[in-house]
Amino acid sequence: MKRRPGARTRDQDLAILAAGGETGWWDDSGHPAPWPEDFLDPDAGWSTGDAVTRDDTPTDNDPVNPPF
């Protein structure tokens, strides 16, 4: 069985959540959740958020008028 961050198993994550704790992962609704089963799979597409990507569309990269 693969271990995710914190060296916990999915069963341990579920026990933490059942006790009202947090695992350090949240679902799309913002609720505490267990780490994804495929988190350690390099082909799953998960990212640490360290990568910086740019869109080649000039209007999306306009520093004077950011999209937010």
N, C-alpha and C. Protein backbone atom coordinates (compact mmCIF):
# COMPACT_ATOMS: atom_id res chain seq x y z
N MET A 1 0.84 -1.17 0.00
CA MET A 1 0.00 0.00 0.00
C MET A 1 0.90 1.25 0.00
N LYS A 2 0.63 2.18 -0.90
CA LYS A 2 1.41 3.41 -0.97
C LYS A 2 0.99 4.34 0.16
N ARG A 3 1.96 5.08 0.65
CA ARG A 3 1.67 6.06 1.70
C ARG A 3 1.72 7.45 1.11
N ARG A 4 0.77 8.24 1.50
CA ARG A 4 0.68 9.62 1.03
C ARG A 4 1.38 10.56 2.00
N PRO A 5 1.37 11.85 1.74
CA PRO A 5 2.02 12.81 2.64
C PRO A 5 1.61 12.59 4.09
N GLY A 6 2.56 12.76 4.97
CA GLY A 6 2.31 12.52 6.38
C GLY A 6 2.48 11.05 6.74
N ALA A 7 2.83 10.22 5.74
CA ALA A 7 3.05 8.78 5.93
C ALA A 7 1.81 8.09 6.49
N ARG A 8 0.62 8.57 6.11
CA ARG A 8 -0.63 7.95 6.55
C ARG A 8 -1.24 7.16 5.41
N THR A 9 -2.00 6.15 5.78
CA THR A 9 -2.76 5.39 4.79
C THR A 9 -4.12 6.06 4.61
N ARG A 10 -4.86 5.65 3.59
CA ARG A 10 -6.20 6.20 3.37
C ARG A 10 -7.11 5.88 4.56
N ASP A 11 -6.99 4.67 5.11
CA ASP A 11 -7.80 4.30 6.28
C ASP A 11 -7.52 5.23 7.47
N GLN A 12 -6.25 5.60 7.64
CA GLN A 12 -5.92 6.53 8.72
C GLN A 12 -6.51 7.91 8.45
N ASP A 13 -6.45 8.35 7.18
CA ASP A 13 -7.07 9.63 6.82
C ASP A 13 -8.57 9.60 7.13
N LEU A 14 -9.25 8.52 6.78
CA LEU A 14 -10.68 8.42 7.03
C LEU A 14 -10.99 8.43 8.52
N ALA A 15 -10.13 7.80 9.32
CA ALA A 15 -10.33 7.81 10.78
C ALA A 15 -10.15 9.22 11.33
N ILE A 16 -9.17 9.95 10.82
CA ILE A 16 -8.95 11.33 11.26
C ILE A 16 -10.17 12.19 10.93
N LEU A 17 -10.69 12.04 9.72
CA LEU A 17 -11.86 12.80 9.30
C LEU A 17 -13.08 12.45 10.14
N ALA A 18 -13.27 11.16 10.44
CA ALA A 18 -14.41 10.72 11.24
C ALA A 18 -14.35 11.30 12.65
N ALA A 19 -13.13 11.56 13.14
CA ALA A 19 -12.97 12.12 14.48
C ALA A 19 -13.05 13.65 14.46
N GLY A 20 -13.30 14.23 13.27
CA GLY A 20 -13.44 15.68 13.17
C GLY A 20 -12.16 16.42 12.86
N GLY A 21 -11.09 15.68 12.54
CA GLY A 21 -9.82 16.31 12.22
C GLY A 21 -9.70 16.66 10.75
N GLU A 22 -8.52 17.12 10.36
CA GLU A 22 -8.23 17.47 8.97
C GLU A 22 -6.99 16.71 8.52
N THR A 23 -6.95 16.43 7.23
CA THR A 23 -5.83 15.69 6.66
C THR A 23 -4.85 16.58 5.90
N GLY A 24 -5.23 17.82 5.68
CA GLY A 24 -4.40 18.70 4.87
C GLY A 24 -4.83 18.70 3.42
N TRP A 25 -5.96 18.06 3.14
CA TRP A 25 -6.52 18.02 1.78
C TRP A 25 -8.00 18.35 1.88
N TRP A 26 -8.51 19.10 0.90
CA TRP A 26 -9.91 19.48 0.90
C TRP A 26 -10.52 19.16 -0.45
N ASP A 27 -11.81 18.84 -0.45
CA ASP A 27 -12.49 18.53 -1.71
C ASP A 27 -12.85 19.83 -2.43
N ASP A 28 -13.50 19.71 -3.59
CA ASP A 28 -13.84 20.88 -4.39
C ASP A 28 -14.80 21.83 -3.69
N SER A 29 -15.50 21.34 -2.67
CA SER A 29 -16.44 22.19 -1.92
C SER A 29 -15.79 22.83 -0.69
N GLY A 30 -14.51 22.52 -0.46
CA GLY A 30 -13.81 23.09 0.68
C GLY A 30 -13.92 22.29 1.96
N HIS A 31 -14.45 21.06 1.87
CA HIS A 31 -14.58 20.22 3.06
C HIS A 31 -13.34 19.34 3.21
N PRO A 32 -12.90 19.09 4.46
CA PRO A 32 -11.76 18.19 4.66
C PRO A 32 -12.02 16.84 4.00
N ALA A 33 -10.99 16.29 3.37
CA ALA A 33 -11.14 15.03 2.63
C ALA A 33 -9.86 14.21 2.76
N PRO A 34 -9.95 12.91 2.47
CA PRO A 34 -8.73 12.12 2.44
C PRO A 34 -7.91 12.49 1.21
N TRP A 35 -6.61 12.23 1.27
CA TRP A 35 -5.76 12.47 0.10
C TRP A 35 -6.21 11.56 -1.03
N PRO A 36 -6.11 12.02 -2.28
CA PRO A 36 -6.54 11.20 -3.42
C PRO A 36 -5.75 9.90 -3.52
N GLU A 37 -6.42 8.85 -3.93
CA GLU A 37 -5.77 7.54 -4.08
C GLU A 37 -4.58 7.61 -5.03
N ASP A 38 -4.68 8.43 -6.08
CA ASP A 38 -3.64 8.47 -7.10
C ASP A 38 -2.65 9.62 -6.91
N PHE A 39 -2.55 10.17 -5.71
CA PHE A 39 -1.71 11.33 -5.48
C PHE A 39 -0.25 11.07 -5.85
N LEU A 40 0.26 9.89 -5.57
CA LEU A 40 1.67 9.59 -5.85
C LEU A 40 1.92 9.10 -7.27
N ASP A 41 0.89 8.93 -8.07
CA ASP A 41 1.02 8.47 -9.45
C ASP A 41 1.51 9.64 -10.31
N PRO A 42 2.71 9.54 -10.89
CA PRO A 42 3.23 10.66 -11.68
C PRO A 42 2.39 10.98 -12.91
N ASP A 43 1.58 10.04 -13.37
CA ASP A 43 0.75 10.26 -14.54
C ASP A 43 -0.63 10.83 -14.19
N ALA A 44 -0.90 11.03 -12.90
CA ALA A 44 -2.23 11.49 -12.48
C ALA A 44 -2.43 12.98 -12.72
N GLY A 45 -1.34 13.73 -12.86
CA GLY A 45 -1.48 15.15 -13.15
C GLY A 45 -1.50 16.06 -11.94
N TRP A 46 -1.27 15.52 -10.74
CA TRP A 46 -1.25 16.38 -9.56
C TRP A 46 0.00 17.24 -9.61
N SER A 47 -0.09 18.45 -9.06
CA SER A 47 1.02 19.39 -9.06
C SER A 47 1.20 19.96 -7.67
N THR A 48 2.43 20.32 -7.35
CA THR A 48 2.70 20.97 -6.07
C THR A 48 2.35 22.44 -6.10
N GLY A 49 2.07 22.96 -7.27
CA GLY A 49 1.76 24.36 -7.41
C GLY A 49 2.99 25.22 -7.60
N ASP A 50 4.17 24.60 -7.64
CA ASP A 50 5.41 25.35 -7.82
C ASP A 50 5.65 25.75 -9.28
N ALA A 51 5.05 25.01 -10.20
CA ALA A 51 5.28 25.27 -11.62
C ALA A 51 4.52 26.54 -12.04
N VAL A 52 5.17 27.32 -12.85
CA VAL A 52 4.54 28.53 -13.37
C VAL A 52 4.35 28.33 -14.86
N THR A 53 3.11 28.40 -15.28
CA THR A 53 2.82 28.25 -16.70
C THR A 53 2.18 29.54 -17.20
N ARG A 54 2.39 29.80 -18.46
CA ARG A 54 1.83 31.01 -19.06
C ARG A 54 1.02 30.62 -20.27
N ASP A 55 -0.01 31.36 -20.49
CA ASP A 55 -0.81 31.20 -21.68
C ASP A 55 -0.19 32.10 -22.74
N ASP A 56 -0.08 31.61 -23.96
CA ASP A 56 0.53 32.41 -25.02
C ASP A 56 -0.39 33.48 -25.59
N THR A 57 -1.59 33.59 -25.05
CA THR A 57 -2.51 34.62 -25.51
C THR A 57 -2.12 35.94 -24.86
N PRO A 58 -1.72 36.94 -25.65
CA PRO A 58 -1.22 38.20 -25.07
C PRO A 58 -2.19 38.85 -24.08
N THR A 59 -3.48 38.81 -24.34
CA THR A 59 -4.42 39.46 -23.42
C THR A 59 -4.45 38.77 -22.06
N ASP A 60 -4.15 37.46 -22.03
CA ASP A 60 -4.12 36.75 -20.75
C ASP A 60 -2.87 37.05 -19.95
N ASN A 61 -1.84 37.57 -20.63
CA ASN A 61 -0.58 37.84 -19.96
C ASN A 61 -0.31 39.33 -19.80
N ASP A 62 -1.31 40.13 -19.95
CA ASP A 62 -1.16 41.58 -19.88
C ASP A 62 -0.96 41.99 -18.41
N PRO A 63 0.26 42.42 -18.01
CA PRO A 63 0.50 42.77 -16.62
C PRO A 63 -0.24 44.04 -16.17
N VAL A 64 -0.64 44.89 -17.11
CA VAL A 64 -1.34 46.11 -16.75
C VAL A 64 -2.79 45.80 -16.40
N ASN A 65 -3.37 44.82 -17.08
CA ASN A 65 -4.76 44.45 -16.84
C ASN A 65 -4.87 42.97 -16.48
N PRO A 66 -4.48 42.61 -15.25
CA PRO A 66 -4.57 41.20 -14.87
C PRO A 66 -6.01 40.72 -14.90
N PRO A 67 -6.24 39.42 -15.11
CA PRO A 67 -7.60 38.89 -15.26
C PRO A 67 -8.39 38.81 -13.96
N PHE A 68 -7.81 39.21 -12.85
CA PHE A 68 -8.54 39.13 -11.57
C PHE A 68 -8.95 40.48 -11.07
